Protein backbone atom coordinates (compact mmCIF):
# COMPACT_ATOMS: atom_id res chain seq x y z
CA HIS A 1 -0.13 0.35 0.08
CA LEU A 2 2.82 2.17 1.07
CA VAL A 3 4.59 2.02 -2.66
CA SER A 4 0.86 2.13 -4.28
CA VAL A 5 0.48 5.58 -2.52
CA ALA A 6 3.40 6.85 -3.59
CA GLY A 7 2.79 6.27 -7.08
CA ASP A 8 -0.08 8.20 -6.71
CA ALA A 9 1.75 10.76 -5.58
CA PHE A 10 4.43 10.66 -8.54
CA VAL A 11 0.86 10.95 -10.95
CA ALA A 12 -0.55 14.14 -8.36
CA ILE A 13 3.01 15.58 -8.93
CA ALA A 14 3.25 15.04 -12.59
CA LEU A 15 -0.41 16.24 -13.65
CA ALA A 16 -0.23 19.33 -11.18
CA GLY A 17 3.08 20.55 -12.69
CA SER A 18 1.71 20.32 -16.21
CA VAL A 19 -1.87 21.21 -16.16
CA PHE A 20 -2.11 23.52 -13.43
CA PHE A 21 1.28 25.54 -13.05
CA ASP A 22 2.61 25.14 -16.67
CA LEU A 23 -0.15 27.29 -18.27
CA PRO A 24 -1.65 30.61 -18.09
CA VAL A 25 -4.36 30.87 -15.97
CA ASP A 26 -7.02 31.98 -18.37
CA GLU A 27 -5.90 29.10 -20.35
CA ALA A 28 -5.75 26.65 -17.56
CA ARG A 29 -9.08 27.22 -16.60
CA GLY A 30 -10.53 25.49 -19.28
CA ARG A 31 -8.16 22.51 -19.07
CA VAL A 32 -8.40 22.05 -15.36
CA ALA A 33 -12.58 21.90 -15.97
CA LEU A 34 -11.84 19.28 -18.95
CA TYR A 35 -9.48 17.24 -16.60
CA LEU A 36 -12.00 17.21 -14.12
CA ALA A 37 -14.66 16.21 -15.83
CA LEU A 38 -12.98 13.40 -17.56
CA THR A 39 -11.42 12.11 -14.74
CA MET A 40 -13.40 13.20 -11.38
CA ALA A 41 -17.36 12.88 -12.97
CA PRO A 42 -17.11 9.20 -14.28
CA LEU A 43 -15.72 7.84 -10.77
CA ALA A 44 -18.80 9.27 -9.20
CA PHE A 45 -21.12 7.03 -11.09
CA ALA A 46 -18.54 4.03 -11.71
CA ALA A 47 -17.44 3.56 -7.73
CA PRO A 48 -21.07 2.42 -6.70
CA PHE A 49 -20.97 -0.07 -9.39
CA LEU A 50 -17.06 -1.11 -8.75
CA VAL A 51 -17.59 -1.76 -4.77
CA PRO A 52 -20.00 -4.30 -5.13
CA LEU A 53 -18.38 -6.01 -7.79
CA LEU A 54 -14.42 -6.15 -6.50
CA ASP A 55 -16.34 -7.69 -3.19
CA ARG A 56 -17.82 -10.20 -5.07
CA ALA A 57 -14.63 -10.85 -7.41
CA GLY A 58 -12.63 -12.93 -4.62
CA PRO A 59 -9.09 -13.48 -5.29
CA ARG A 60 -8.10 -9.89 -4.18
CA ARG A 61 -4.59 -9.83 -3.81
CA GLN A 62 -4.64 -10.81 -7.97
CA ILE A 63 -6.97 -7.68 -8.51
CA SER A 64 -4.54 -5.76 -6.54
CA PHE A 65 -1.75 -7.16 -8.74
CA ALA A 66 -3.62 -6.35 -11.84
CA ALA A 67 -4.50 -2.72 -10.68
CA ALA A 68 -1.01 -1.87 -9.70
CA LEU A 69 0.67 -3.27 -13.16
CA GLY A 70 -2.20 -1.65 -15.32
CA ARG A 71 -1.17 1.76 -13.54
CA ALA A 72 2.46 1.24 -14.47
CA VAL A 73 1.41 0.49 -18.12
CA VAL A 74 -1.09 3.72 -18.35
CA ALA A 75 1.61 5.99 -16.62
CA LEU A 76 4.05 4.29 -19.07
CA TYR A 77 1.85 4.92 -21.76
CA ALA A 78 0.50 8.51 -20.58
CA ALA A 79 4.27 9.92 -20.26
CA THR A 80 5.23 9.21 -23.89
CA ARG A 81 1.74 11.30 -24.86
CA PHE A 82 1.94 13.86 -22.26
CA GLY A 83 0.93 16.99 -24.01
CA THR A 84 -2.02 15.22 -26.00
CA LEU A 85 -5.48 14.76 -25.17
CA VAL A 86 -4.77 11.50 -24.42
CA LEU A 87 -3.35 12.41 -21.30
CA PHE A 88 -6.72 12.84 -20.00
CA PRO A 89 -8.06 9.38 -20.60
CA ALA A 90 -4.96 8.06 -19.45
CA ALA A 91 -5.53 10.11 -16.14
CA PHE A 92 -9.12 8.81 -15.74
CA ILE A 93 -7.85 5.07 -16.03
CA LEU A 94 -5.37 5.70 -13.24
CA LEU A 95 -7.59 7.37 -10.77
CA ALA A 96 -10.08 4.25 -11.91
CA LEU A 97 -7.38 1.54 -11.15
CA SER A 98 -6.46 3.69 -8.09
CA LYS A 99 -9.92 3.28 -6.90
CA VAL A 100 -9.64 -0.61 -7.42
CA HIS A 101 -6.72 -0.43 -5.46
CA ALA A 102 -8.32 1.61 -2.32
CA ILE A 103 -11.35 -1.13 -2.54
CA THR A 104 -9.56 -4.49 -2.84
CA LYS A 105 -6.71 -2.88 -0.38
CA ASN A 106 -10.18 -2.66 2.23
CA GLY A 107 -11.45 -6.31 1.98
CA LEU A 108 -7.56 -7.08 2.40
CA ALA A 109 -7.40 -5.32 5.48
CA VAL A 110 -10.40 -7.55 6.89
CA ALA A 111 -8.32 -10.67 6.36
CA TYR A 112 -4.85 -9.33 7.12
CA ALA A 113 -6.08 -7.96 10.29
CA GLY A 114 -4.37 -9.57 13.34
CA ARG A 115 -6.94 -10.97 15.80
CA THR A 116 -5.85 -8.90 18.58
CA GLU A 117 -5.83 -5.61 15.93
CA GLY A 118 -9.18 -5.37 15.18
CA LEU A 119 -10.13 -3.93 12.03
CA VAL A 120 -10.18 -0.39 13.27
CA GLY A 121 -6.56 -0.61 14.09
CA ALA A 122 -5.69 -2.03 10.83
CA ASN A 123 -7.48 0.44 9.10
CA ALA A 124 -5.55 3.34 11.39
CA ARG A 125 -2.52 1.79 10.47
CA LEU A 126 -3.10 1.66 6.57
CA GLY A 127 -4.13 5.43 7.03
CA ARG A 128 -0.05 6.22 8.80
CA ILE A 129 1.33 3.54 5.60
CA ALA A 130 -0.54 6.01 2.95
CA ALA A 131 0.75 9.45 4.48
CA GLY A 132 4.44 7.79 4.47
CA GLY A 133 3.70 6.63 1.48
CA ALA A 134 2.70 10.06 -0.10
CA VAL A 135 5.58 11.67 1.70
CA LEU A 136 8.04 9.14 0.17
CA GLY A 137 6.39 9.97 -3.18
CA ALA A 138 6.21 13.40 -3.64
CA GLY A 139 10.47 14.08 -2.49
CA PRO A 140 11.46 12.01 -5.62
CA ALA A 141 8.30 12.96 -8.05
CA LEU A 142 8.97 16.69 -7.29
CA LEU A 143 12.70 16.22 -7.78
CA LEU A 144 12.07 14.90 -10.87
CA LEU A 145 9.42 17.68 -11.49
CA ARG A 146 12.24 20.18 -11.25
CA PHE A 147 15.22 18.68 -12.72
CA GLY A 148 13.43 16.36 -15.75
CA SER A 149 10.10 17.23 -16.80
CA ALA A 150 6.03 16.01 -15.98
CA GLU A 151 6.83 13.05 -18.41
CA ALA A 152 9.75 12.07 -16.53
CA THR A 153 7.75 12.12 -13.40
CA LEU A 154 4.72 10.07 -15.33
CA TYR A 155 8.21 7.21 -15.74
CA GLY A 156 8.80 7.85 -12.39
CA ALA A 157 5.33 6.33 -11.38
CA ALA A 158 5.62 4.00 -13.72
CA ILE A 159 8.36 2.12 -12.15
CA THR A 160 7.18 2.71 -8.70
CA TYR A 161 3.41 0.97 -9.44
CA ALA A 162 6.09 -2.17 -11.39
CA VAL A 163 7.55 -2.42 -7.90
CA ALA A 164 4.06 -2.34 -6.25
CA ALA A 165 2.94 -4.70 -8.50
CA LEU A 166 6.24 -7.17 -7.59
CA LEU A 167 5.44 -6.51 -4.00
CA ASN A 168 1.95 -7.65 -4.40
CA LEU A 169 3.21 -11.33 -5.23
CA ARG A 170 4.92 -11.41 -1.69
CA LEU A 171 1.70 -10.81 0.14
CA PRO A 172 0.81 -14.08 1.78
CA HIS A 173 -2.37 -15.93 0.93
CA PRO A 174 -5.55 -15.04 3.11
CA ARG A 175 -7.87 -18.02 3.77
CA LEU A 176 -11.07 -18.68 5.27
CA ARG A 177 -11.36 -20.50 8.42
CA GLY A 178 -15.11 -20.77 9.71
CA GLY A 179 -16.50 -17.64 8.79
CA GLN A 180 -13.48 -15.73 9.72
CA ALA A 181 -10.22 -14.61 7.45
CA GLU A 182 -6.84 -15.68 8.17
CA VAL A 183 -3.56 -15.51 6.84
CA THR A 184 -1.20 -18.31 6.15
CA ARG A 185 2.22 -17.59 5.48
CA THR A 186 3.57 -20.14 2.35
CA GLY A 187 7.22 -18.58 1.98
CA GLY A 188 8.78 -15.20 1.53
CA ILE A 189 9.02 -12.53 3.33
CA PRO A 190 5.77 -11.11 4.66
CA ALA A 191 4.33 -7.67 2.85
């Protein structure tokens, strides 16, 4: 989750560095409105459909892996087409896959929460991890934006998401026992 949120910080900084700050104010207003319409509005309508679908999907580890890998591919694709209108649907796909990650993370939190910790404690810990990931991702992303470009920052996001996908493969398998989710460690380093 930490690495995934760091990737989201890379994307946010890349988009902010291009869409919000590189244009004159009059020109930026229209582009920002277009960006919001193409990225945020569809998510507001898609979220009620995504949550029930992903809750019934079952293999949340694989879905989380696919969301991270998908974000890596889309960030790579968007970096090569940064100055075009393709950036807007690519940003929407990144946001949608980020939403998929958030939904599956919530489902996995139930399985990975310890018997003594509980769901509230696990979610609080994930919130702290997310804050740390955003801070850790923001530093390198700002450096890439400052000394490189917004495209370079998206390449950094692609690398970060690829690492998140690989780390997803290291998660132990959650198993249901008597209606309760438990984590079984089947080798490897616990994530």
